[in-house]
Each structure stands twice: as C-alpha cells, then as structure tokens.
Amino acid sequence: MNFLVITTIQSPTPALFKYRDLLLELGWRIVVVGDQKSPPTFDLPGVDYLNLEKQQELFGELASLVPLNHYARKNLGYLYAIQKGAEAIAESDDDNIPYDDKYPNFLPPQINTSVLEVKDTVNVYSYFTEKKIWPRGIPLDKVGNLVSEEQIVKKEVTCYLQQGLADLDPDVDAIYRLTTAQGDVIFDSDKKLALGSGCYSPFNTQNTLFYKEAFPLMLLPISVHSRVTDIWRSYIAQKLLWCMDSSVLFLSPSVYQQRNEHNLLKDFKDEIPLYTQVNDLINLLETFNSDTISPGGLMSELYSFLRQHNFLGDLDVRLCDLWIKAISSSL
C-alpha cells in the first residue's frame, strides 16, 4: 500500500481535498500530521489525522524529542505509515496542488533513464527550464552549474527516491525570491533525470516519494530550522543512496504550488545555514565511508559521523537511534 504524508497548521486546504479525491480511489492512504498551531479538529473524511496527543500516545520519547512548531514533526507521519505497512511513501505540503491528469507520476524504482554523470553539485532545475532559477539549498557558488547534455548517459538505474518538481511557484530560496523572481514558472513536461554517484542537487519535501528500501533515509533532523531540515536530509539521503547502489530521480511537475504567505526577510534569516554551511556538509559527506550495507546502519553511522564533526547535535543522534529502532521493528 502507498501512503501520502502531509503536515499542516490549517484547516483542510484545497490541496488536501484534491489529494484525497485523487488518491483514495487509487487505494492510497493519507496521513496528516498536526502541530501546536493546528486546529483542534480536522474534518477531512478518509484521512488519518495525527494531533499532538495522538503523536505522543503512539511514539512516546520520539515524539517528545521533535520540537513543537517544527517541520520535522512530519517524521511521525512517516513512521505511522511505515508501521501501517507502507510499501512507498509520498509527501507534499498543504499548498501544493496535484494536477488531475499528472499526479502521481512516480516511476518504478528500476528504470532505464537519463543519468547525469558528473562529480559536482549541479543546478538540476536547469534541465527542466531555460529560466534562471535554482532550487533552495544549492550552494550559491554552484547556481551556475547547469546540466549539460554531454554529461548525460542512458542506462538502467535504481531510484528508491524520486523528486517531482512543482510548477508556478517552485521551491526556491529567499535570495531568489527577493532578487530574481520573474513570475510563474512552468517547467518542461515529461522529463526525468537521475543523478549519478557524486552528483549532488538538493531536493525538498513537496512532491517526493521514498520506496520501502529507502525508508530509513526519510528522517528530518531536529537541530536545525524548518527551512533547513529537508535540505540537510536531501544531501544525507543522496550520499547514502549511492552506498546502496541507488540514486535520486528528478521528474517533471505533477503539482503546482499556490504558496502560503511568507515573510521573505524572515525566510532569508532562517535559511542562512543553507548559504553558509552547505558546502561544509557536502565536503563532510564526501569523506564518509562505510562497509555497512543496511540503510538503517548507514543512517546511524552517518548521523554519528556528522555529530563527531559538530554538524548535527546530540538530540539528532538520539532521534536517529529511536527512529531506526522503530523502523526495524516494523519492516
């Protein structure tokens, strides 16, 4: 069974109604994770709603470790889906609306596709549009690293993790929004690109799918801001996917974003680690090596490695330990 996990602090949005109408007919289950600012009741029949009380009842210490009003509470929705027998878990946000005729467009994990073979960080958006635009979380000195057709090969590849883009108001950083934004963006349709080993590009949590083999890699760290947590996860997951002989696959949009209201200057302040520390993270990941073959073991080793280098905190390591233990008892 496939699951969709979403967090929200609002009453059911048009996006949530649309996901419900599309996915329940396909046999999916939908999990909505609440937070301190969420409404006390959530009237969306057919959807499993986890309020704070339910989260604490189900997950105990793990739920207590995740800060209130933090995007990482989504971890509890992932774990709920895993414990209910999920084979694949998609995720999105409450302001990303699925296209009727495109969602879901995720592919089987083993496919023959275009693969970008370059040892560097790339601006993957450049493969899907000629507009000057870059994904949130890419090092600013890599914004101009555009995808080159000469570096692409066609081959069989395993993609346990897939990231669909979003049209109209895609996921970009505050610097782009404050300085470069030029209206709605429509990405090219019917394209896909996997990133080969050593080729990094950040991905988000707006239109993403993890297959069962990669469930341990879903964990969102808690020692960083909500504007940072999914980006750190994306780089960590890419490194570990290569250890598993897998890759991340980027897909043309199957959703469009009608973005919730944001204070862009506040976003900029919250995103500062993305601008100042992302290269440090990538450099650390490049030095990480392991003979472990299990995804859970790889996650535990890498989290401990990042803590030793003062990149993640003690609470992240404790969270990871509880997370792996909980997943191991469910898979």
C-alpha atoms as a PDB file:
ATOM      1  CA  MET A   1       0.000   0.000   0.000  1.00  0.00           C
ATOM      2  CA  ASN A   2       1.152   3.550  -0.755  1.00  0.00           C
ATOM      3  CA  PHE A   3       0.811   6.461   1.660  1.00  0.00           C
ATOM      4  CA  LEU A   4       0.879  10.250   1.345  1.00  0.00           C
ATOM      5  CA  VAL A   5       2.119  12.235   4.363  1.00  0.00           C
ATOM      6  CA  ILE A   6       1.440  15.953   4.797  1.00  0.00           C
ATOM      7  CA  THR A   7       1.835  18.399   7.687  1.00  0.00           C
ATOM      8  CA  THR A   8      -0.439  21.377   8.191  1.00  0.00           C
ATOM      9  CA  ILE A   9      -1.382  24.040  10.725  1.00  0.00           C
ATOM     10  CA  GLN A  10      -4.534  24.928   8.779  1.00  0.00           C
ATOM     11  CA  SER A  11      -7.987  23.520   8.293  1.00  0.00           C
ATOM     12  CA  PRO A  12      -8.198  21.270   5.211  1.00  0.00           C
ATOM     13  CA  THR A  13      -6.904  23.196   2.203  1.00  0.00           C
ATOM     14  CA  PRO A  14      -7.907  22.785  -1.474  1.00  0.00           C
ATOM     15  CA  ALA A  15      -4.713  20.787  -1.982  1.00  0.00           C
ATOM     16  CA  LEU A  16      -5.689  18.288   0.709  1.00  0.00           C
ATOM     17  CA  PHE A  17      -9.172  17.812  -0.741  1.00  0.00           C
ATOM     18  CA  LYS A  18      -7.621  17.260  -4.176  1.00  0.00           C
ATOM     19  CA  TYR A  19      -5.112  14.707  -2.890  1.00  0.00           C
ATOM     20  CA  ARG A  20      -7.911  12.866  -1.109  1.00  0.00           C
ATOM     21  CA  ASP A  21     -10.133  12.779  -4.190  1.00  0.00           C
ATOM     22  CA  LEU A  22      -7.293  11.518  -6.400  1.00  0.00           C
ATOM     23  CA  LEU A  23      -5.523   9.057  -4.132  1.00  0.00           C
ATOM     24  CA  LEU A  24      -8.224   7.297  -2.151  1.00  0.00           C
ATOM     25  CA  GLU A  25      -9.661   5.992  -5.412  1.00  0.00           C
ATOM     26  CA  LEU A  26      -6.226   4.559  -6.206  1.00  0.00           C
ATOM     27  CA  GLY A  27      -6.090   2.701  -2.895  1.00  0.00           C
ATOM     28  CA  TRP A  28      -3.651   5.060  -1.191  1.00  0.00           C
ATOM     29  CA  ARG A  29      -3.902   6.183   2.428  1.00  0.00           C
ATOM     30  CA  ILE A  30      -3.323   9.784   3.510  1.00  0.00           C
ATOM     31  CA  VAL A  31      -1.803  10.858   6.831  1.00  0.00           C
ATOM     32  CA  VAL A  32      -1.977  14.463   8.037  1.00  0.00           C
ATOM     33  CA  VAL A  33       0.337  15.452  10.887  1.00  0.00           C
ATOM     34  CA  GLY A  34      -0.753  18.291  13.151  1.00  0.00           C
ATOM     35  CA  ASP A  35       1.257  20.637  15.341  1.00  0.00           C
ATOM     36  CA  GLN A  36       0.715  23.135  18.153  1.00  0.00           C
ATOM     37  CA  LYS A  37      -0.842  25.696  15.799  1.00  0.00           C
ATOM     38  CA  SER A  38      -3.106  23.180  14.064  1.00  0.00           C
ATOM     39  CA  PRO A  39      -6.885  23.319  14.557  1.00  0.00           C
ATOM     40  CA  PRO A  40      -8.301  21.098  17.339  1.00  0.00           C
ATOM     41  CA  THR A  41     -10.438  19.187  14.826  1.00  0.00           C
ATOM     42  CA  PHE A  42      -9.694  18.264  11.235  1.00  0.00           C
ATOM     43  CA  ASP A  43     -12.708  17.478   9.095  1.00  0.00           C
ATOM     44  CA  LEU A  44     -11.406  15.525   6.118  1.00  0.00           C
ATOM     45  CA  PRO A  45     -13.148  12.132   5.904  1.00  0.00           C
ATOM     46  CA  GLY A  46     -10.961   9.285   4.744  1.00  0.00           C
ATOM     47  CA  VAL A  47      -7.755  10.840   6.077  1.00  0.00           C
ATOM     48  CA  ASP A  48      -5.818   9.757   9.186  1.00  0.00           C
ATOM     49  CA  TYR A  49      -5.145  12.843  11.328  1.00  0.00           C
ATOM     50  CA  LEU A  50      -2.418  12.744  13.985  1.00  0.00           C
ATOM     51  CA  ASN A  51      -2.840  15.528  16.520  1.00  0.00           C
ATOM     52  CA  LEU A  52      -0.213  16.147  19.196  1.00  0.00           C
ATOM     53  CA  GLU A  53      -1.966  13.890  21.705  1.00  0.00           C
ATOM     54  CA  LYS A  54      -2.098  11.028  19.225  1.00  0.00           C
ATOM     55  CA  GLN A  55       1.549  11.523  18.284  1.00  0.00           C
ATOM     56  CA  GLN A  56       2.619  11.313  21.917  1.00  0.00           C
ATOM     57  CA  GLU A  57       0.442   8.255  22.519  1.00  0.00           C
ATOM     58  CA  LEU A  58       1.897   6.414  19.523  1.00  0.00           C
ATOM     59  CA  PHE A  59       5.555   7.407  19.652  1.00  0.00           C
ATOM     60  CA  GLY A  60       6.454   8.435  23.205  1.00  0.00           C
ATOM     61  CA  GLU A  61      10.042   9.666  23.564  1.00  0.00           C
ATOM     62  CA  LEU A  62      10.484  10.001  19.818  1.00  0.00           C
ATOM     63  CA  ALA A  63       7.520  12.384  19.665  1.00  0.00           C
ATOM     64  CA  SER A  64       8.835  14.292  22.688  1.00  0.00           C
ATOM     65  CA  LEU A  65      12.206  14.883  21.012  1.00  0.00           C
ATOM     66  CA  VAL A  66      10.729  16.646  17.993  1.00  0.00           C
ATOM     67  CA  PRO A  67      10.232  20.365  18.772  1.00  0.00           C
ATOM     68  CA  LEU A  68       6.771  21.856  18.581  1.00  0.00           C
ATOM     69  CA  ASN A  69       6.111  24.124  15.600  1.00  0.00           C
ATOM     70  CA  HIS A  70       8.833  22.368  13.621  1.00  0.00           C
ATOM     71  CA  TYR A  71       8.552  20.783  10.192  1.00  0.00           C
ATOM     72  CA  ALA A  72      10.298  17.655  11.495  1.00  0.00           C
ATOM     73  CA  ARG A  73       7.053  16.572  13.156  1.00  0.00           C
ATOM     74  CA  LYS A  74       6.463  15.084   9.719  1.00  0.00           C
ATOM     75  CA  ASN A  75       8.801  12.277  10.871  1.00  0.00           C
ATOM     76  CA  LEU A  76       5.920  10.954  12.964  1.00  0.00           C
ATOM     77  CA  GLY A  77       3.701  10.731   9.904  1.00  0.00           C
ATOM     78  CA  TYR A  78       6.366   8.757   8.061  1.00  0.00           C
ATOM     79  CA  LEU A  79       6.714   6.375  10.980  1.00  0.00           C
ATOM     80  CA  TYR A  80       2.946   5.952  11.238  1.00  0.00           C
ATOM     81  CA  ALA A  81       2.792   4.975   7.553  1.00  0.00           C
ATOM     82  CA  ILE A  82       5.708   2.558   7.945  1.00  0.00           C
ATOM     83  CA  GLN A  83       4.063   0.872  10.908  1.00  0.00           C
ATOM     84  CA  LYS A  84       0.849   0.533   8.904  1.00  0.00           C
ATOM     85  CA  GLY A  85       2.661  -1.447   6.226  1.00  0.00           C
ATOM     86  CA  ALA A  86       3.556   1.143   3.592  1.00  0.00           C
ATOM     87  CA  GLU A  87       5.438  -0.056   0.521  1.00  0.00           C
ATOM     88  CA  ALA A  88       6.072   3.515  -0.672  1.00  0.00           C
ATOM     89  CA  ILE A  89       5.572   6.901   0.997  1.00  0.00           C
ATOM     90  CA  ALA A  90       4.947  10.115  -0.907  1.00  0.00           C
ATOM     91  CA  GLU A  91       4.893  13.508   0.744  1.00  0.00           C
ATOM     92  CA  SER A  92       3.782  17.006  -0.059  1.00  0.00           C
ATOM     93  CA  ASP A  93       2.717  20.296   1.542  1.00  0.00           C
ATOM     94  CA  ASP A  94      -0.733  21.767   2.024  1.00  0.00           C
ATOM     95  CA  ASP A  95      -0.126  24.439  -0.652  1.00  0.00           C
ATOM     96  CA  ASN A  96       0.994  22.070  -3.432  1.00  0.00           C
ATOM     97  CA  ILE A  97      -2.000  21.112  -5.566  1.00  0.00           C
ATOM     98  CA  PRO A  98      -1.825  17.964  -7.694  1.00  0.00           C
ATOM     99  CA  TYR A  99      -2.690  18.084 -11.380  1.00  0.00           C
ATOM    100  CA  ASP A 100      -5.697  15.880 -12.175  1.00  0.00           C
ATOM    101  CA  ASP A 101      -4.016  14.352 -15.204  1.00  0.00           C
ATOM    102  CA  LYS A 102      -0.442  14.067 -13.902  1.00  0.00           C
ATOM    103  CA  TYR A 103      -0.396  13.091 -10.228  1.00  0.00           C
ATOM    104  CA  PRO A 104       1.058  10.730  -9.222  1.00  0.00           C
ATOM    105  CA  ASN A 105       3.740  10.383 -11.897  1.00  0.00           C
ATOM    106  CA  PHE A 106       6.304   8.480  -9.842  1.00  0.00           C
ATOM    107  CA  LEU A 107       8.000   5.588 -11.620  1.00  0.00           C
ATOM    108  CA  PRO A 108       9.042   2.058 -10.627  1.00  0.00           C
ATOM    109  CA  PRO A 109      12.390   2.020  -8.819  1.00  0.00           C
ATOM    110  CA  GLN A 110      14.236   0.159 -11.593  1.00  0.00           C
ATOM    111  CA  ILE A 111      14.149   2.119 -14.844  1.00  0.00           C
ATOM    112  CA  ASN A 112      16.147   2.950 -17.948  1.00  0.00           C
ATOM    113  CA  THR A 113      16.576   6.701 -17.929  1.00  0.00           C
ATOM    114  CA  SER A 114      18.886   9.660 -18.455  1.00  0.00           C
ATOM    115  CA  VAL A 115      21.604   9.838 -15.793  1.00  0.00           C
ATOM    116  CA  LEU A 116      23.796  12.859 -15.135  1.00  0.00           C
ATOM    117  CA  GLU A 117      27.352  11.611 -14.619  1.00  0.00           C
ATOM    118  CA  VAL A 118      29.382  14.442 -13.097  1.00  0.00           C
ATOM    119  CA  LYS A 119      31.190  14.677  -9.752  1.00  0.00           C
ATOM    120  CA  ASP A 120      29.869  18.038  -8.592  1.00  0.00           C
ATOM    121  CA  THR A 121      26.841  19.897  -7.300  1.00  0.00           C
ATOM    122  CA  VAL A 122      24.503  20.903 -10.111  1.00  0.00           C
ATOM    123  CA  ASN A 123      21.500  23.163 -10.631  1.00  0.00           C
ATOM    124  CA  VAL A 124      19.041  20.434 -11.595  1.00  0.00           C
ATOM    125  CA  TYR A 125      16.302  22.961 -12.408  1.00  0.00           C
ATOM    126  CA  SER A 126      18.324  23.900 -15.493  1.00  0.00           C
ATOM    127  CA  TYR A 127      17.423  20.535 -17.037  1.00  0.00           C
ATOM    128  CA  PHE A 128      13.718  21.383 -16.848  1.00  0.00           C
ATOM    129  CA  THR A 129      13.712  25.069 -17.865  1.00  0.00           C
ATOM    130  CA  GLU A 130      15.825  27.706 -19.554  1.00  0.00           C
ATOM    131  CA  LYS A 131      14.804  30.303 -16.972  1.00  0.00           C
ATOM    132  CA  LYS A 132      17.385  31.492 -14.485  1.00  0.00           C
ATOM    133  CA  ILE A 133      16.175  29.705 -11.382  1.00  0.00           C
ATOM    134  CA  TRP A 134      17.735  27.426  -8.789  1.00  0.00           C
ATOM    135  CA  PRO A 135      16.499  25.068  -6.050  1.00  0.00           C
ATOM    136  CA  ARG A 136      16.527  26.079  -2.404  1.00  0.00           C
ATOM    137  CA  GLY A 137      19.637  24.672  -0.758  1.00  0.00           C
ATOM    138  CA  ILE A 138      22.080  24.641  -3.649  1.00  0.00           C
ATOM    139  CA  PRO A 139      25.416  26.298  -2.759  1.00  0.00           C
ATOM    140  CA  LEU A 140      25.289  29.821  -4.146  1.00  0.00           C
ATOM    141  CA  ASP A 141      28.601  29.304  -5.929  1.00  0.00           C
ATOM    142  CA  LYS A 142      27.013  26.359  -7.793  1.00  0.00           C
ATOM    143  CA  VAL A 143      23.905  28.146  -9.114  1.00  0.00           C
ATOM    144  CA  GLY A 144      25.626  28.459 -12.500  1.00  0.00           C
ATOM    145  CA  ASN A 145      26.497  24.738 -12.674  1.00  0.00           C
ATOM    146  CA  LEU A 146      23.940  23.911 -15.350  1.00  0.00           C
ATOM    147  CA  VAL A 147      23.089  20.428 -16.573  1.00  0.00           C
ATOM    148  CA  SER A 148      24.988  19.616 -19.774  1.00  0.00           C
ATOM    149  CA  GLU A 149      23.634  17.103 -22.291  1.00  0.00           C
ATOM    150  CA  GLU A 150      27.226  15.979 -22.874  1.00  0.00           C
ATOM    151  CA  GLN A 151      27.334  14.651 -19.302  1.00  0.00           C
ATOM    152  CA  ILE A 152      24.148  12.581 -19.639  1.00  0.00           C
ATOM    153  CA  VAL A 153      24.075   8.864 -20.428  1.00  0.00           C
ATOM    154  CA  LYS A 154      21.128   6.491 -20.796  1.00  0.00           C
ATOM    155  CA  LYS A 155      21.277   3.399 -18.612  1.00  0.00           C
ATOM    156  CA  GLU A 156      19.472   1.178 -16.131  1.00  0.00           C
ATOM    157  CA  VAL A 157      19.415   2.670 -12.663  1.00  0.00           C
ATOM    158  CA  THR A 158      17.696   2.056  -9.339  1.00  0.00           C
ATOM    159  CA  CYS A 159      15.892   5.077  -7.892  1.00  0.00           C
ATOM    160  CA  TYR A 160      14.435   4.390  -4.451  1.00  0.00           C
ATOM    161  CA  LEU A 161      13.906   8.134  -4.026  1.00  0.00           C
ATOM    162  CA  GLN A 162      12.075  10.348  -6.526  1.00  0.00           C
ATOM    163  CA  GLN A 163      11.529  14.104  -6.508  1.00  0.00           C
ATOM    164  CA  GLY A 164       8.876  15.726  -8.660  1.00  0.00           C
ATOM    165  CA  LEU A 165       9.126  19.441  -9.323  1.00  0.00           C
ATOM    166  CA  ALA A 166       6.321  21.974  -8.753  1.00  0.00           C
ATOM    167  CA  ASP A 167       5.006  24.496 -11.276  1.00  0.00           C
ATOM    168  CA  LEU A 168       4.036  28.163 -10.794  1.00  0.00           C
ATOM    169  CA  ASP A 169       5.863  28.984  -7.541  1.00  0.00           C
ATOM    170  CA  PRO A 170       8.508  26.276  -7.146  1.00  0.00           C
ATOM    171  CA  ASP A 171      10.774  25.728  -4.166  1.00  0.00           C
ATOM    172  CA  VAL A 172      13.481  28.398  -4.281  1.00  0.00           C
ATOM    173  CA  ASP A 173      15.407  30.288  -1.615  1.00  0.00           C
ATOM    174  CA  ALA A 174      14.648  33.744  -0.248  1.00  0.00           C
ATOM    175  CA  ILE A 175      17.549  35.279  -2.174  1.00  0.00           C
ATOM    176  CA  TYR A 176      15.915  34.213  -5.440  1.00  0.00           C
ATOM    177  CA  ARG A 177      12.520  35.492  -4.336  1.00  0.00           C
ATOM    178  CA  LEU A 178      13.926  38.852  -3.214  1.00  0.00           C
ATOM    179  CA  THR A 179      16.205  39.483  -6.195  1.00  0.00           C
ATOM    180  CA  THR A 180      15.382  37.372  -9.245  1.00  0.00           C
ATOM    181  CA  ALA A 181      11.790  36.075  -9.238  1.00  0.00           C
ATOM    182  CA  GLN A 182      10.075  36.794 -12.554  1.00  0.00           C
ATOM    183  CA  GLY A 183       6.561  35.438 -12.170  1.00  0.00           C
ATOM    184  CA  ASP A 184       5.128  31.961 -12.579  1.00  0.00           C
ATOM    185  CA  VAL A 185       7.376  29.134 -13.733  1.00  0.00           C
ATOM    186  CA  ILE A 186       6.201  26.240 -15.882  1.00  0.00           C
ATOM    187  CA  PHE A 187       8.821  23.507 -16.141  1.00  0.00           C
ATOM    188  CA  ASP A 188       9.184  21.232 -19.165  1.00  0.00           C
ATOM    189  CA  SER A 189       6.854  18.250 -19.093  1.00  0.00           C
ATOM    190  CA  ASP A 190       7.580  14.533 -19.470  1.00  0.00           C
ATOM    191  CA  LYS A 191      11.249  14.732 -18.496  1.00  0.00           C
ATOM    192  CA  LYS A 192      13.241  12.785 -15.962  1.00  0.00           C
ATOM    193  CA  LEU A 193      16.847  12.825 -14.803  1.00  0.00           C
ATOM    194  CA  ALA A 194      18.716  10.658 -12.304  1.00  0.00           C
ATOM    195  CA  LEU A 195      21.879  11.902 -10.637  1.00  0.00           C
ATOM    196  CA  GLY A 196      24.867   9.565 -10.767  1.00  0.00           C
ATOM    197  CA  SER A 197      27.176   8.859  -7.844  1.00  0.00           C
ATOM    198  CA  GLY A 198      28.896  12.024  -6.635  1.00  0.00           C
ATOM    199  CA  CYS A 199      26.414  14.341  -8.353  1.00  0.00           C
ATOM    200  CA  TYR A 200      24.508  16.398  -5.771  1.00  0.00           C
ATOM    201  CA  SER A 201      21.437  18.591  -6.036  1.00  0.00           C
ATOM    202  CA  PRO A 202      19.126  19.492  -3.162  1.00  0.00           C
ATOM    203  CA  PHE A 203      15.547  18.268  -3.118  1.00  0.00           C
ATOM    204  CA  ASN A 204      12.612  19.132  -0.898  1.00  0.00           C
ATOM    205  CA  THR A 205       9.563  17.513   0.692  1.00  0.00           C
ATOM    206  CA  GLN A 206       6.894  18.955  -1.595  1.00  0.00           C
ATOM    207  CA  ASN A 207       6.466  16.218  -4.190  1.00  0.00           C
ATOM    208  CA  THR A 208       8.693  13.366  -3.132  1.00  0.00           C
ATOM    209  CA  LEU A 209       8.468   9.576  -2.964  1.00  0.00           C
ATOM    210  CA  PHE A 210      10.511   7.063  -0.980  1.00  0.00           C
ATOM    211  CA  TYR A 211      10.332   3.358  -1.688  1.00  0.00           C
ATOM    212  CA  LYS A 212      10.482   0.922   1.224  1.00  0.00           C
ATOM    213  CA  GLU A 213      14.184   0.233   0.758  1.00  0.00           C
ATOM    214  CA  ALA A 214      14.939   3.907   1.498  1.00  0.00           C
ATOM    215  CA  PHE A 215      12.525   4.492   4.405  1.00  0.00           C
ATOM    216  CA  PRO A 216      15.354   4.911   6.970  1.00  0.00           C
ATOM    217  CA  LEU A 217      16.645   7.848   4.891  1.00  0.00           C
ATOM    218  CA  MET A 218      13.440   9.866   5.392  1.00  0.00           C
ATOM    219  CA  LEU A 219      14.441  11.234   8.797  1.00  0.00           C
ATOM    220  CA  LEU A 220      14.339  15.042   9.123  1.00  0.00           C
ATOM    221  CA  PRO A 221      16.939  16.402  11.608  1.00  0.00           C
ATOM    222  CA  ILE A 222      15.670  18.483  14.524  1.00  0.00           C
ATOM    223  CA  SER A 223      18.699  20.607  15.488  1.00  0.00           C
ATOM    224  CA  VAL A 224      18.202  22.960  12.550  1.00  0.00           C
ATOM    225  CA  HIS A 225      15.438  25.298  11.415  1.00  0.00           C
ATOM    226  CA  SER A 226      12.425  24.059   9.461  1.00  0.00           C
ATOM    227  CA  ARG A 227      13.743  25.938   6.407  1.00  0.00           C
ATOM    228  CA  VAL A 228      16.918  23.849   6.587  1.00  0.00           C
ATOM    229  CA  THR A 229      15.895  20.385   7.777  1.00  0.00           C
ATOM    230  CA  ASP A 230      14.623  18.972   4.475  1.00  0.00           C
ATOM    231  CA  ILE A 231      17.680  20.228   2.591  1.00  0.00           C
ATOM    232  CA  TRP A 232      20.114  18.618   5.018  1.00  0.00           C
ATOM    233  CA  ARG A 233      18.098  15.424   4.693  1.00  0.00           C
ATOM    234  CA  SER A 234      18.334  15.598   0.908  1.00  0.00           C
ATOM    235  CA  TYR A 235      22.126  15.705   0.872  1.00  0.00           C
ATOM    236  CA  ILE A 236      22.401  12.981   3.519  1.00  0.00           C
ATOM    237  CA  ALA A 237      19.990  10.759   1.607  1.00  0.00           C
ATOM    238  CA  GLN A 238      21.854  11.197  -1.679  1.00  0.00           C
ATOM    239  CA  LYS A 239      25.131  10.112  -0.118  1.00  0.00           C
ATOM    240  CA  LEU A 240      23.536   7.029   1.405  1.00  0.00           C
ATOM    241  CA  LEU A 241      21.655   6.136  -1.765  1.00  0.00           C
ATOM    242  CA  TRP A 242      24.989   5.804  -3.555  1.00  0.00           C
ATOM    243  CA  CYS A 243      26.137   3.466  -0.785  1.00  0.00           C
ATOM    244  CA  MET A 244      23.029   1.406  -1.642  1.00  0.00           C
ATOM    245  CA  ASP A 245      23.726   1.444  -5.413  1.00  0.00           C
ATOM    246  CA  SER A 246      20.750   3.740  -5.911  1.00  0.00           C
ATOM    247  CA  SER A 247      20.149   7.342  -7.000  1.00  0.00           C
ATOM    248  CA  VAL A 248      17.642  10.149  -6.726  1.00  0.00           C
ATOM    249  CA  LEU A 249      15.389  10.685  -9.750  1.00  0.00           C
ATOM    250  CA  PHE A 250      14.012  14.125 -10.638  1.00  0.00           C
ATOM    251  CA  LEU A 251      10.713  14.289 -12.519  1.00  0.00           C
ATOM    252  CA  SER A 252       8.719  16.966 -14.349  1.00  0.00           C
ATOM    253  CA  PRO A 253       5.984  18.553 -12.211  1.00  0.00           C
ATOM    254  CA  SER A 254       2.802  16.757 -11.258  1.00  0.00           C
ATOM    255  CA  VAL A 255       1.802  19.522  -8.813  1.00  0.00           C
ATOM    256  CA  TYR A 256       1.659  23.300  -8.777  1.00  0.00           C
ATOM    257  CA  GLN A 257       2.241  25.499  -5.758  1.00  0.00           C
ATOM    258  CA  GLN A 258      -0.012  28.295  -4.580  1.00  0.00           C
ATOM    259  CA  ARG A 259       2.360  29.305  -1.833  1.00  0.00           C
ATOM    260  CA  ASN A 260       1.178  30.094   1.656  1.00  0.00           C
ATOM    261  CA  GLU A 261       2.012  33.599   2.849  1.00  0.00           C
ATOM    262  CA  HIS A 262       5.667  34.046   3.884  1.00  0.00           C
ATOM    263  CA  ASN A 263       7.822  36.842   5.307  1.00  0.00           C
ATOM    264  CA  LEU A 264      10.718  36.697   2.856  1.00  0.00           C
ATOM    265  CA  LEU A 265      13.204  38.529   5.076  1.00  0.00           C
ATOM    266  CA  LYS A 266      12.437  36.094   7.891  1.00  0.00           C
ATOM    267  CA  ASP A 267      12.890  33.215   5.434  1.00  0.00           C
ATOM    268  CA  PHE A 268      16.262  34.670   4.468  1.00  0.00           C
ATOM    269  CA  LYS A 269      17.416  34.776   8.097  1.00  0.00           C
ATOM    270  CA  ASP A 270      16.173  31.250   8.733  1.00  0.00           C
ATOM    271  CA  GLU A 271      17.923  29.982   5.601  1.00  0.00           C
ATOM    272  CA  ILE A 272      21.355  31.433   6.393  1.00  0.00           C
ATOM    273  CA  PRO A 273      22.830  27.967   7.143  1.00  0.00           C
ATOM    274  CA  LEU A 274      21.858  26.970   3.599  1.00  0.00           C
ATOM    275  CA  TYR A 275      24.041  29.763   2.254  1.00  0.00           C
ATOM    276  CA  THR A 276      26.958  29.424   4.677  1.00  0.00           C
ATOM    277  CA  GLN A 277      27.192  25.743   5.686  1.00  0.00           C
ATOM    278  CA  VAL A 278      26.020  23.684   2.717  1.00  0.00           C
ATOM    279  CA  ASN A 279      29.481  23.300   1.200  1.00  0.00           C
ATOM    280  CA  ASP A 280      30.775  22.160   4.600  1.00  0.00           C
ATOM    281  CA  LEU A 281      28.101  19.461   4.670  1.00  0.00           C
ATOM    282  CA  ILE A 282      28.884  18.268   1.151  1.00  0.00           C
ATOM    283  CA  ASN A 283      32.606  18.152   1.922  1.00  0.00           C
ATOM    284  CA  LEU A 284      31.932  16.095   5.052  1.00  0.00           C
ATOM    285  CA  LEU A 285      29.698  13.693   3.158  1.00  0.00           C
ATOM    286  CA  GLU A 286      32.420  13.190   0.576  1.00  0.00           C
ATOM    287  CA  THR A 287      34.771  11.948   3.322  1.00  0.00           C
ATOM    288  CA  PHE A 288      32.260   9.482   4.788  1.00  0.00           C
ATOM    289  CA  ASN A 289      32.876   5.798   4.057  1.00  0.00           C
ATOM    290  CA  SER A 290      31.198   2.679   5.384  1.00  0.00           C
ATOM    291  CA  ASP A 291      31.166  -1.062   4.791  1.00  0.00           C
ATOM    292  CA  THR A 292      27.645  -1.291   6.207  1.00  0.00           C
ATOM    293  CA  ILE A 293      25.016  -2.435   3.738  1.00  0.00           C
ATOM    294  CA  SER A 294      21.773  -1.906   5.668  1.00  0.00           C
ATOM    295  CA  PRO A 295      20.093   1.508   5.221  1.00  0.00           C
ATOM    296  CA  GLY A 296      19.420   1.760   8.945  1.00  0.00           C
ATOM    297  CA  GLY A 297      23.032   1.011   9.802  1.00  0.00           C
ATOM    298  CA  LEU A 298      24.216   3.574   7.260  1.00  0.00           C
ATOM    299  CA  MET A 299      21.947   6.229   8.766  1.00  0.00           C
ATOM    300  CA  SER A 300      23.192   5.541  12.281  1.00  0.00           C
ATOM    301  CA  GLU A 301      26.831   5.685  11.192  1.00  0.00           C
ATOM    302  CA  LEU A 302      26.409   8.870   9.186  1.00  0.00           C
ATOM    303  CA  TYR A 303      24.485  10.688  11.929  1.00  0.00           C
ATOM    304  CA  SER A 304      27.204   9.775  14.427  1.00  0.00           C
ATOM    305  CA  PHE A 305      29.846  10.894  11.927  1.00  0.00           C
ATOM    306  CA  LEU A 306      28.134  14.274  11.456  1.00  0.00           C
ATOM    307  CA  ARG A 307      27.810  14.670  15.240  1.00  0.00           C
ATOM    308  CA  GLN A 308      31.534  13.977  15.684  1.00  0.00           C
ATOM    309  CA  HIS A 309      32.208  16.830  13.277  1.00  0.00           C
ATOM    310  CA  ASN A 310      29.769  19.119  15.137  1.00  0.00           C
ATOM    311  CA  PHE A 311      27.375  19.332  12.205  1.00  0.00           C
ATOM    312  CA  LEU A 312      24.410  17.667  13.912  1.00  0.00           C
ATOM    313  CA  GLY A 313      23.553  17.658  17.600  1.00  0.00           C
ATOM    314  CA  ASP A 314      23.247  15.012  20.300  1.00  0.00           C
ATOM    315  CA  LEU A 315      19.456  15.109  20.041  1.00  0.00           C
ATOM    316  CA  ASP A 316      19.676  14.277  16.341  1.00  0.00           C
ATOM    317  CA  VAL A 317      21.729  11.181  17.126  1.00  0.00           C
ATOM    318  CA  ARG A 318      19.259  10.123  19.821  1.00  0.00           C
ATOM    319  CA  LEU A 319      16.366  10.737  17.442  1.00  0.00           C
ATOM    320  CA  CYS A 320      18.084   8.683  14.759  1.00  0.00           C
ATOM    321  CA  ASP A 321      18.653   5.792  17.172  1.00  0.00           C
ATOM    322  CA  LEU A 322      14.965   5.753  18.166  1.00  0.00           C
ATOM    323  CA  TRP A 323      13.915   6.148  14.545  1.00  0.00           C
ATOM    324  CA  ILE A 324      15.978   3.199  13.320  1.00  0.00           C
ATOM    325  CA  LYS A 325      14.807   1.041  16.211  1.00  0.00           C
ATOM    326  CA  ALA A 326      11.159   1.865  15.482  1.00  0.00           C
ATOM    327  CA  ILE A 327      11.534   1.208  11.752  1.00  0.00           C
ATOM    328  CA  SER A 328      13.455  -2.023  12.268  1.00  0.00           C
ATOM    329  CA  SER A 329      10.596  -3.434  14.325  1.00  0.00           C
ATOM    330  CA  SER A 330       8.146  -2.601  11.519  1.00  0.00           C
ATOM    331  CA  LEU A 331       9.953  -3.684   8.342  1.00  0.00           C
END
